[in-house]
Amino acid sequence: MPSGTIKAPLERILEARRLLHAVCDPEIPVLTIEDLGILRDLRWHEADETLEVVITPTYSGCPAMNAIEVNIRAALQEGGFERVRVATVLRPAWTTDWISATGRQKLFEYGIAPPAEASYDKKALLGERQALTCPHCGSANTQMISQFGSTACKALFRCLDCLEPFDYFKCH
């Protein structure tokens, strides 16, 4: 922002949100931090002209959070925000319920089955769910291969019709 130009706090927040709309998850690059529900809040602190970005990790040990924080800072600083503070909050705990409808569709199109249930229904996480829709061919003739997929937040399934393996983003 050119020096001498002062924007109202709401305008600053809206501009920051627009810039953050392009910040993607490093593990699933088709999803933004908004799609995943990681971006929780934006706060403008008038006293020191600092933008605070509040994020919640998908789980407390998520290795992608450092990269996400770096990408948040870079996007905002390139967009003219000189003072940025990123705050990580763990309460309330992130849940797959926070994944947007757009995010769920992007997951499916990327080849990852999105969470099928609400977070309070742990059937898929506990292996009780018998089948998911295959993101490759659309078949419901699928089976779990392993509770653990390519990352800790995914399980590995296989389609029994097209024989393709696919990740399932576990509900939690």
N, C-alpha and C. Protein backbone atom coordinates (compact mmCIF):
# COMPACT_ATOMS: atom_id res chain seq x y z
N MET A 1 0.84 -1.17 0.00
CA MET A 1 0.00 0.00 0.00
C MET A 1 0.89 1.24 0.00
N PRO A 2 0.64 2.22 -0.85
CA PRO A 2 1.45 3.43 -0.89
C PRO A 2 1.41 4.15 0.45
N SER A 3 2.56 4.73 0.84
CA SER A 3 2.58 5.45 2.11
C SER A 3 1.63 6.64 2.03
N GLY A 4 1.02 6.94 3.17
CA GLY A 4 0.07 8.04 3.22
C GLY A 4 -1.35 7.60 2.92
N THR A 5 -1.55 6.39 2.38
CA THR A 5 -2.88 5.88 2.10
C THR A 5 -3.34 5.09 3.31
N ILE A 6 -4.48 5.45 3.85
CA ILE A 6 -5.01 4.76 5.02
C ILE A 6 -6.34 4.13 4.63
N LYS A 7 -6.44 2.83 4.86
CA LYS A 7 -7.68 2.14 4.59
C LYS A 7 -8.35 1.82 5.93
N ALA A 8 -9.66 1.81 5.92
CA ALA A 8 -10.42 1.44 7.11
C ALA A 8 -10.13 -0.02 7.44
N PRO A 9 -10.26 -0.38 8.72
CA PRO A 9 -9.98 -1.76 9.14
C PRO A 9 -10.76 -2.81 8.34
N LEU A 10 -12.02 -2.58 8.05
CA LEU A 10 -12.80 -3.55 7.29
C LEU A 10 -12.21 -3.75 5.90
N GLU A 11 -11.82 -2.67 5.27
CA GLU A 11 -11.19 -2.78 3.95
C GLU A 11 -9.90 -3.58 4.02
N ARG A 12 -9.12 -3.38 5.06
CA ARG A 12 -7.86 -4.12 5.24
C ARG A 12 -8.14 -5.61 5.42
N ILE A 13 -9.14 -5.92 6.22
CA ILE A 13 -9.51 -7.32 6.45
C ILE A 13 -9.98 -7.97 5.15
N LEU A 14 -10.81 -7.29 4.39
CA LEU A 14 -11.30 -7.84 3.12
C LEU A 14 -10.15 -8.04 2.13
N GLU A 15 -9.22 -7.10 2.09
CA GLU A 15 -8.06 -7.24 1.21
C GLU A 15 -7.20 -8.42 1.65
N ALA A 16 -7.00 -8.57 2.95
CA ALA A 16 -6.22 -9.70 3.46
C ALA A 16 -6.89 -11.02 3.12
N ARG A 17 -8.19 -11.09 3.28
CA ARG A 17 -8.93 -12.33 2.96
C ARG A 17 -8.78 -12.65 1.47
N ARG A 18 -8.83 -11.64 0.63
CA ARG A 18 -8.65 -11.86 -0.82
C ARG A 18 -7.26 -12.44 -1.09
N LEU A 19 -6.25 -11.89 -0.44
CA LEU A 19 -4.88 -12.39 -0.63
C LEU A 19 -4.71 -13.81 -0.10
N LEU A 20 -5.34 -14.09 1.03
CA LEU A 20 -5.21 -15.42 1.63
C LEU A 20 -6.00 -16.48 0.87
N HIS A 21 -6.93 -16.04 0.04
CA HIS A 21 -7.71 -16.99 -0.76
C HIS A 21 -6.80 -17.82 -1.68
N ALA A 22 -5.62 -17.32 -1.97
CA ALA A 22 -4.69 -18.03 -2.86
C ALA A 22 -3.70 -18.92 -2.12
N VAL A 23 -3.72 -18.91 -0.78
CA VAL A 23 -2.77 -19.73 -0.02
C VAL A 23 -3.29 -21.15 0.05
N CYS A 24 -2.52 -22.07 -0.51
CA CYS A 24 -2.93 -23.48 -0.59
C CYS A 24 -2.27 -24.32 0.47
N ASP A 25 -2.89 -25.45 0.75
CA ASP A 25 -2.32 -26.44 1.64
C ASP A 25 -1.15 -27.10 0.91
N PRO A 26 0.04 -27.18 1.51
CA PRO A 26 1.18 -27.76 0.80
C PRO A 26 1.06 -29.26 0.54
N GLU A 27 0.24 -29.96 1.31
CA GLU A 27 0.08 -31.40 1.10
C GLU A 27 -1.00 -31.72 0.08
N ILE A 28 -2.01 -30.84 -0.01
CA ILE A 28 -3.10 -31.02 -0.99
C ILE A 28 -3.26 -29.69 -1.70
N PRO A 29 -2.44 -29.42 -2.70
CA PRO A 29 -2.37 -28.08 -3.30
C PRO A 29 -3.62 -27.60 -4.01
N VAL A 30 -4.63 -28.44 -4.19
CA VAL A 30 -5.88 -27.96 -4.79
C VAL A 30 -6.78 -27.31 -3.75
N LEU A 31 -6.43 -27.45 -2.46
CA LEU A 31 -7.23 -26.87 -1.39
C LEU A 31 -6.56 -25.63 -0.83
N THR A 32 -7.36 -24.60 -0.60
CA THR A 32 -6.84 -23.42 0.08
C THR A 32 -7.01 -23.61 1.58
N ILE A 33 -6.36 -22.72 2.35
CA ILE A 33 -6.53 -22.80 3.80
C ILE A 33 -7.97 -22.44 4.19
N GLU A 34 -8.65 -21.70 3.34
CA GLU A 34 -10.08 -21.43 3.57
C GLU A 34 -10.91 -22.68 3.30
N ASP A 35 -10.62 -23.38 2.20
CA ASP A 35 -11.34 -24.62 1.88
C ASP A 35 -11.27 -25.61 3.04
N LEU A 36 -10.08 -25.72 3.64
CA LEU A 36 -9.87 -26.67 4.73
C LEU A 36 -10.44 -26.20 6.07
N GLY A 37 -10.72 -24.93 6.18
CA GLY A 37 -11.20 -24.40 7.45
C GLY A 37 -10.08 -24.12 8.43
N ILE A 38 -8.84 -24.10 7.94
CA ILE A 38 -7.68 -23.79 8.79
C ILE A 38 -7.68 -22.30 9.15
N LEU A 39 -8.07 -21.46 8.21
CA LEU A 39 -8.13 -20.01 8.45
C LEU A 39 -9.36 -19.72 9.30
N ARG A 40 -9.14 -19.31 10.54
CA ARG A 40 -10.24 -19.12 11.48
C ARG A 40 -10.69 -17.67 11.62
N ASP A 41 -9.73 -16.73 11.60
CA ASP A 41 -10.13 -15.35 11.85
C ASP A 41 -9.03 -14.41 11.36
N LEU A 42 -9.42 -13.19 11.07
CA LEU A 42 -8.49 -12.10 10.76
C LEU A 42 -8.84 -10.95 11.68
N ARG A 43 -7.82 -10.38 12.31
CA ARG A 43 -8.05 -9.27 13.24
C ARG A 43 -7.08 -8.14 12.92
N TRP A 44 -7.62 -6.94 12.80
CA TRP A 44 -6.79 -5.78 12.54
C TRP A 44 -6.56 -5.05 13.86
N HIS A 45 -5.30 -4.86 14.22
CA HIS A 45 -4.94 -4.15 15.44
C HIS A 45 -4.49 -2.75 15.06
N GLU A 46 -5.39 -1.80 15.27
CA GLU A 46 -5.18 -0.41 14.87
C GLU A 46 -3.98 0.22 15.56
N ALA A 47 -3.77 -0.11 16.84
CA ALA A 47 -2.71 0.53 17.63
C ALA A 47 -1.34 0.39 16.99
N ASP A 48 -1.03 -0.79 16.48
CA ASP A 48 0.29 -0.99 15.87
C ASP A 48 0.19 -1.38 14.39
N GLU A 49 -1.01 -1.23 13.82
CA GLU A 49 -1.26 -1.54 12.40
C GLU A 49 -0.76 -2.93 12.03
N THR A 50 -1.13 -3.89 12.85
CA THR A 50 -0.74 -5.28 12.63
C THR A 50 -1.97 -6.09 12.26
N LEU A 51 -1.80 -6.95 11.27
CA LEU A 51 -2.85 -7.89 10.91
C LEU A 51 -2.54 -9.20 11.62
N GLU A 52 -3.49 -9.70 12.37
CA GLU A 52 -3.34 -10.99 13.04
C GLU A 52 -4.17 -12.02 12.28
N VAL A 53 -3.53 -13.10 11.91
CA VAL A 53 -4.19 -14.19 11.20
C VAL A 53 -4.27 -15.36 12.17
N VAL A 54 -5.48 -15.82 12.42
CA VAL A 54 -5.68 -16.92 13.36
C VAL A 54 -5.94 -18.19 12.56
N ILE A 55 -5.12 -19.22 12.85
CA ILE A 55 -5.24 -20.50 12.15
C ILE A 55 -5.35 -21.63 13.17
N THR A 56 -5.96 -22.72 12.74
CA THR A 56 -6.06 -23.92 13.56
C THR A 56 -5.56 -25.09 12.71
N PRO A 57 -4.56 -25.82 13.22
CA PRO A 57 -4.04 -26.96 12.45
C PRO A 57 -5.05 -28.09 12.37
N THR A 58 -4.94 -28.89 11.32
CA THR A 58 -5.83 -30.03 11.18
C THR A 58 -5.59 -31.05 12.29
N TYR A 59 -4.39 -31.11 12.79
CA TYR A 59 -4.09 -31.83 14.04
C TYR A 59 -2.83 -31.21 14.62
N SER A 60 -2.62 -31.36 15.91
CA SER A 60 -1.59 -30.59 16.61
C SER A 60 -0.18 -30.85 16.10
N GLY A 61 0.08 -31.98 15.52
CA GLY A 61 1.42 -32.27 15.01
C GLY A 61 1.55 -32.14 13.50
N CYS A 62 0.64 -31.46 12.87
CA CYS A 62 0.64 -31.35 11.40
C CYS A 62 1.93 -30.69 10.91
N PRO A 63 2.73 -31.41 10.13
CA PRO A 63 3.99 -30.85 9.66
C PRO A 63 3.83 -29.73 8.63
N ALA A 64 2.66 -29.59 8.06
CA ALA A 64 2.44 -28.56 7.04
C ALA A 64 2.23 -27.17 7.63
N MET A 65 1.99 -27.08 8.92
CA MET A 65 1.64 -25.78 9.51
C MET A 65 2.76 -24.75 9.39
N ASN A 66 4.01 -25.17 9.49
CA ASN A 66 5.11 -24.21 9.32
C ASN A 66 5.12 -23.64 7.92
N ALA A 67 4.94 -24.50 6.92
CA ALA A 67 4.90 -24.02 5.54
C ALA A 67 3.68 -23.11 5.32
N ILE A 68 2.57 -23.46 5.91
CA ILE A 68 1.37 -22.64 5.77
C ILE A 68 1.60 -21.26 6.36
N GLU A 69 2.22 -21.20 7.52
CA GLU A 69 2.50 -19.90 8.15
C GLU A 69 3.43 -19.05 7.27
N VAL A 70 4.45 -19.67 6.72
CA VAL A 70 5.38 -18.96 5.83
C VAL A 70 4.62 -18.44 4.61
N ASN A 71 3.75 -19.25 4.04
CA ASN A 71 2.98 -18.86 2.85
C ASN A 71 1.98 -17.75 3.16
N ILE A 72 1.39 -17.78 4.36
CA ILE A 72 0.47 -16.71 4.78
C ILE A 72 1.24 -15.39 4.85
N ARG A 73 2.37 -15.41 5.53
CA ARG A 73 3.18 -14.19 5.67
C ARG A 73 3.61 -13.65 4.31
N ALA A 74 4.06 -14.55 3.44
CA ALA A 74 4.53 -14.13 2.12
C ALA A 74 3.40 -13.49 1.31
N ALA A 75 2.23 -14.13 1.29
CA ALA A 75 1.10 -13.59 0.52
C ALA A 75 0.70 -12.21 1.02
N LEU A 76 0.66 -12.06 2.32
CA LEU A 76 0.23 -10.78 2.89
C LEU A 76 1.28 -9.70 2.71
N GLN A 77 2.54 -10.05 2.90
CA GLN A 77 3.60 -9.04 2.74
C GLN A 77 3.73 -8.62 1.28
N GLU A 78 3.57 -9.56 0.35
CA GLU A 78 3.59 -9.20 -1.07
C GLU A 78 2.40 -8.31 -1.42
N GLY A 79 1.32 -8.45 -0.66
CA GLY A 79 0.13 -7.65 -0.89
C GLY A 79 0.12 -6.32 -0.13
N GLY A 80 1.23 -6.00 0.54
CA GLY A 80 1.35 -4.69 1.18
C GLY A 80 1.14 -4.66 2.68
N PHE A 81 0.93 -5.79 3.29
CA PHE A 81 0.79 -5.83 4.75
C PHE A 81 2.18 -5.99 5.35
N GLU A 82 2.65 -4.94 6.01
CA GLU A 82 4.00 -4.95 6.56
C GLU A 82 4.09 -5.71 7.87
N ARG A 83 3.08 -5.57 8.70
CA ARG A 83 3.09 -6.21 10.01
C ARG A 83 2.04 -7.31 10.06
N VAL A 84 2.52 -8.54 10.16
CA VAL A 84 1.65 -9.70 10.17
C VAL A 84 2.04 -10.58 11.35
N ARG A 85 1.04 -10.99 12.09
CA ARG A 85 1.25 -11.93 13.18
C ARG A 85 0.33 -13.12 12.91
N VAL A 86 0.90 -14.32 12.97
CA VAL A 86 0.11 -15.53 12.79
C VAL A 86 -0.03 -16.19 14.15
N ALA A 87 -1.27 -16.39 14.58
CA ALA A 87 -1.55 -17.03 15.86
C ALA A 87 -2.18 -18.39 15.60
N THR A 88 -1.62 -19.40 16.22
CA THR A 88 -2.17 -20.76 16.10
C THR A 88 -3.00 -21.05 17.33
N VAL A 89 -4.25 -21.41 17.13
CA VAL A 89 -5.13 -21.77 18.23
C VAL A 89 -5.53 -23.24 18.08
N LEU A 90 -5.59 -23.91 19.21
CA LEU A 90 -5.91 -25.34 19.21
C LEU A 90 -7.32 -25.63 19.71
N ARG A 91 -7.98 -24.59 20.24
CA ARG A 91 -9.35 -24.75 20.73
C ARG A 91 -10.25 -23.75 20.08
N PRO A 92 -11.36 -24.15 19.54
CA PRO A 92 -11.76 -25.54 19.46
C PRO A 92 -10.88 -26.30 18.47
N ALA A 93 -10.79 -27.59 18.68
CA ALA A 93 -9.98 -28.43 17.79
C ALA A 93 -10.59 -28.45 16.40
N TRP A 94 -9.71 -28.47 15.39
CA TRP A 94 -10.16 -28.53 14.00
C TRP A 94 -10.97 -29.81 13.80
N THR A 95 -11.94 -29.73 12.94
CA THR A 95 -12.77 -30.87 12.58
C THR A 95 -12.99 -30.87 11.08
N THR A 96 -13.18 -32.03 10.52
CA THR A 96 -13.46 -32.12 9.08
C THR A 96 -14.78 -31.45 8.72
N ASP A 97 -15.61 -31.17 9.72
CA ASP A 97 -16.84 -30.42 9.46
C ASP A 97 -16.53 -29.02 8.93
N TRP A 98 -15.32 -28.53 9.17
CA TRP A 98 -14.93 -27.18 8.75
C TRP A 98 -14.51 -27.14 7.28
N ILE A 99 -14.35 -28.28 6.64
CA ILE A 99 -14.01 -28.30 5.21
C ILE A 99 -15.24 -27.81 4.45
N SER A 100 -15.04 -26.82 3.60
CA SER A 100 -16.17 -26.24 2.86
C SER A 100 -16.71 -27.23 1.82
N ALA A 101 -17.91 -26.97 1.34
CA ALA A 101 -18.49 -27.79 0.28
C ALA A 101 -17.60 -27.74 -0.96
N THR A 102 -17.05 -26.57 -1.25
CA THR A 102 -16.12 -26.44 -2.38
C THR A 102 -14.88 -27.28 -2.13
N GLY A 103 -14.37 -27.26 -0.91
CA GLY A 103 -13.20 -28.06 -0.56
C GLY A 103 -13.46 -29.54 -0.72
N ARG A 104 -14.63 -30.01 -0.32
CA ARG A 104 -14.98 -31.42 -0.46
C ARG A 104 -15.02 -31.82 -1.94
N GLN A 105 -15.59 -30.95 -2.75
CA GLN A 105 -15.64 -31.22 -4.19
C GLN A 105 -14.24 -31.25 -4.79
N LYS A 106 -13.39 -30.31 -4.39
CA LYS A 106 -12.02 -30.28 -4.88
C LYS A 106 -11.26 -31.55 -4.48
N LEU A 107 -11.47 -32.02 -3.25
CA LEU A 107 -10.83 -33.27 -2.81
C LEU A 107 -11.23 -34.41 -3.73
N PHE A 108 -12.52 -34.55 -3.96
CA PHE A 108 -13.04 -35.64 -4.80
C PHE A 108 -12.45 -35.57 -6.21
N GLU A 109 -12.44 -34.37 -6.80
CA GLU A 109 -11.91 -34.20 -8.15
C GLU A 109 -10.40 -34.46 -8.20
N TYR A 110 -9.72 -34.27 -7.08
CA TYR A 110 -8.27 -34.50 -6.99
C TYR A 110 -7.96 -35.99 -6.79
N GLY A 111 -8.98 -36.79 -6.50
CA GLY A 111 -8.78 -38.22 -6.31
C GLY A 111 -8.74 -38.66 -4.85
N ILE A 112 -9.18 -37.80 -3.95
CA ILE A 112 -9.26 -38.12 -2.53
C ILE A 112 -10.72 -38.09 -2.11
N ALA A 113 -11.20 -39.19 -1.55
CA ALA A 113 -12.58 -39.21 -1.09
C ALA A 113 -12.71 -38.30 0.13
N PRO A 114 -13.63 -37.33 0.09
CA PRO A 114 -13.80 -36.42 1.22
C PRO A 114 -14.48 -37.14 2.39
N PRO A 115 -14.43 -36.55 3.58
CA PRO A 115 -15.10 -37.15 4.73
C PRO A 115 -16.57 -37.41 4.40
N ALA A 116 -17.02 -38.61 4.69
CA ALA A 116 -18.38 -39.00 4.32
C ALA A 116 -19.39 -38.70 5.42
N GLU A 117 -18.93 -38.61 6.64
CA GLU A 117 -19.82 -38.39 7.76
C GLU A 117 -19.47 -37.09 8.47
N ALA A 118 -20.32 -36.73 9.40
CA ALA A 118 -20.01 -35.62 10.30
C ALA A 118 -18.97 -36.10 11.30
N SER A 119 -18.25 -35.19 11.89
CA SER A 119 -17.14 -35.55 12.77
C SER A 119 -17.57 -36.40 13.96
N TYR A 120 -18.82 -36.28 14.38
CA TYR A 120 -19.26 -37.08 15.52
C TYR A 120 -19.53 -38.54 15.14
N ASP A 121 -19.57 -38.84 13.86
CA ASP A 121 -19.80 -40.21 13.39
C ASP A 121 -18.46 -40.80 12.96
N LYS A 122 -17.87 -41.61 13.79
CA LYS A 122 -16.51 -42.10 13.58
C LYS A 122 -16.46 -43.45 12.85
N LYS A 123 -17.52 -43.85 12.18
CA LYS A 123 -17.55 -45.16 11.54
C LYS A 123 -16.40 -45.37 10.57
N ALA A 124 -16.14 -44.41 9.70
CA ALA A 124 -15.06 -44.58 8.72
C ALA A 124 -13.70 -44.57 9.40
N LEU A 125 -13.54 -43.71 10.38
CA LEU A 125 -12.26 -43.63 11.10
C LEU A 125 -11.96 -44.93 11.83
N LEU A 126 -13.00 -45.58 12.35
CA LEU A 126 -12.81 -46.82 13.11
C LEU A 126 -12.92 -48.07 12.24
N GLY A 127 -13.06 -47.90 10.93
CA GLY A 127 -13.10 -49.03 10.02
C GLY A 127 -14.45 -49.70 9.92
N GLU A 128 -15.48 -49.10 10.48
CA GLU A 128 -16.81 -49.70 10.43
C GLU A 128 -17.56 -49.37 9.15
N ARG A 129 -17.14 -48.33 8.46
CA ARG A 129 -17.81 -47.97 7.21
C ARG A 129 -17.31 -48.95 6.15
N GLN A 130 -18.24 -49.57 5.45
CA GLN A 130 -17.88 -50.60 4.50
C GLN A 130 -17.44 -50.09 3.14
N ALA A 131 -18.00 -48.98 2.68
CA ALA A 131 -17.69 -48.52 1.33
C ALA A 131 -17.77 -47.01 1.23
N LEU A 132 -16.93 -46.48 0.37
CA LEU A 132 -16.96 -45.07 0.01
C LEU A 132 -17.07 -44.99 -1.50
N THR A 133 -17.45 -43.84 -2.01
CA THR A 133 -17.51 -43.66 -3.45
C THR A 133 -16.10 -43.45 -3.99
N CYS A 134 -15.73 -44.21 -4.99
CA CYS A 134 -14.42 -44.09 -5.62
C CYS A 134 -14.34 -42.77 -6.37
N PRO A 135 -13.32 -41.95 -6.08
CA PRO A 135 -13.20 -40.68 -6.78
C PRO A 135 -12.72 -40.83 -8.22
N HIS A 136 -12.33 -42.04 -8.61
CA HIS A 136 -11.85 -42.27 -9.98
C HIS A 136 -12.98 -42.69 -10.93
N CYS A 137 -13.85 -43.61 -10.45
CA CYS A 137 -14.89 -44.11 -11.35
C CYS A 137 -16.30 -43.94 -10.82
N GLY A 138 -16.45 -43.54 -9.55
CA GLY A 138 -17.76 -43.31 -8.98
C GLY A 138 -18.42 -44.54 -8.38
N SER A 139 -17.74 -45.66 -8.39
CA SER A 139 -18.30 -46.89 -7.83
C SER A 139 -18.33 -46.83 -6.30
N ALA A 140 -19.34 -47.49 -5.73
CA ALA A 140 -19.41 -47.63 -4.27
C ALA A 140 -18.85 -48.98 -3.84
N ASN A 141 -18.34 -49.74 -4.79
CA ASN A 141 -17.77 -51.06 -4.51
C ASN A 141 -16.30 -50.88 -4.12
N THR A 142 -16.10 -50.43 -2.88
CA THR A 142 -14.75 -50.09 -2.41
C THR A 142 -14.49 -50.78 -1.07
N GLN A 143 -13.22 -50.87 -0.71
CA GLN A 143 -12.87 -51.45 0.58
C GLN A 143 -11.65 -50.74 1.15
N MET A 144 -11.58 -50.72 2.49
CA MET A 144 -10.43 -50.14 3.15
C MET A 144 -9.27 -51.12 3.08
N ILE A 145 -8.10 -50.59 2.72
CA ILE A 145 -6.87 -51.38 2.70
C ILE A 145 -6.11 -51.17 4.00
N SER A 146 -6.07 -49.90 4.45
CA SER A 146 -5.33 -49.56 5.65
C SER A 146 -5.94 -48.34 6.31
N GLN A 147 -5.92 -48.32 7.64
CA GLN A 147 -6.37 -47.14 8.38
C GLN A 147 -5.48 -45.93 8.10
N PHE A 148 -4.29 -46.19 7.57
CA PHE A 148 -3.32 -45.13 7.36
C PHE A 148 -3.00 -44.98 5.89
N GLY A 149 -3.15 -43.75 5.38
CA GLY A 149 -2.89 -43.45 3.98
C GLY A 149 -1.59 -42.68 3.83
N SER A 150 -1.55 -41.80 2.86
CA SER A 150 -0.33 -41.05 2.55
C SER A 150 0.05 -40.04 3.63
N THR A 151 -0.92 -39.63 4.44
CA THR A 151 -0.65 -38.78 5.61
C THR A 151 -1.51 -39.30 6.76
N ALA A 152 -1.23 -38.82 7.96
CA ALA A 152 -1.93 -39.31 9.14
C ALA A 152 -3.44 -39.03 9.10
N CYS A 153 -3.85 -38.03 8.34
CA CYS A 153 -5.27 -37.68 8.30
C CYS A 153 -6.04 -38.44 7.21
N LYS A 154 -5.40 -39.41 6.58
CA LYS A 154 -6.06 -40.16 5.51
C LYS A 154 -5.97 -41.67 5.76
N ALA A 155 -6.94 -42.40 5.22
CA ALA A 155 -6.93 -43.86 5.20
C ALA A 155 -6.81 -44.28 3.74
N LEU A 156 -6.36 -45.49 3.51
CA LEU A 156 -6.17 -45.98 2.14
C LEU A 156 -7.29 -46.95 1.77
N PHE A 157 -7.95 -46.68 0.67
CA PHE A 157 -9.02 -47.52 0.14
C PHE A 157 -8.65 -47.99 -1.26
N ARG A 158 -9.41 -48.99 -1.74
CA ARG A 158 -9.24 -49.47 -3.11
C ARG A 158 -10.63 -49.69 -3.69
N CYS A 159 -10.77 -49.32 -4.95
CA CYS A 159 -12.01 -49.57 -5.68
C CYS A 159 -11.95 -50.99 -6.22
N LEU A 160 -12.96 -51.77 -5.98
CA LEU A 160 -12.99 -53.15 -6.46
C LEU A 160 -13.46 -53.25 -7.90
N ASP A 161 -13.94 -52.14 -8.48
CA ASP A 161 -14.35 -52.15 -9.89
C ASP A 161 -13.22 -51.67 -10.80
N CYS A 162 -12.67 -50.49 -10.54
CA CYS A 162 -11.59 -49.98 -11.40
C CYS A 162 -10.21 -50.38 -10.88
N LEU A 163 -10.17 -50.94 -9.67
CA LEU A 163 -8.95 -51.44 -9.01
C LEU A 163 -7.94 -50.35 -8.63
N GLU A 164 -8.37 -49.10 -8.69
CA GLU A 164 -7.48 -48.00 -8.32
C GLU A 164 -7.51 -47.77 -6.81
N PRO A 165 -6.34 -47.53 -6.22
CA PRO A 165 -6.32 -47.14 -4.81
C PRO A 165 -6.65 -45.65 -4.70
N PHE A 166 -7.15 -45.26 -3.54
CA PHE A 166 -7.40 -43.83 -3.30
C PHE A 166 -7.37 -43.56 -1.81
N ASP A 167 -7.00 -42.32 -1.49
CA ASP A 167 -7.02 -41.88 -0.10
C ASP A 167 -8.43 -41.46 0.29
N TYR A 168 -8.73 -41.63 1.56
CA TYR A 168 -9.96 -41.13 2.15
C TYR A 168 -9.57 -40.17 3.26
N PHE A 169 -10.06 -38.95 3.19
CA PHE A 169 -9.76 -37.94 4.21
C PHE A 169 -10.64 -38.27 5.42
N LYS A 170 -10.03 -38.87 6.44
CA LYS A 170 -10.76 -39.37 7.60
C LYS A 170 -11.51 -38.24 8.31
N CYS A 171 -12.70 -38.57 8.79
CA CYS A 171 -13.44 -37.58 9.57
C CYS A 171 -12.84 -37.52 10.97
N HIS A 172 -12.71 -36.33 11.46
CA HIS A 172 -12.29 -36.11 12.85
C HIS A 172 -12.51 -34.67 13.23
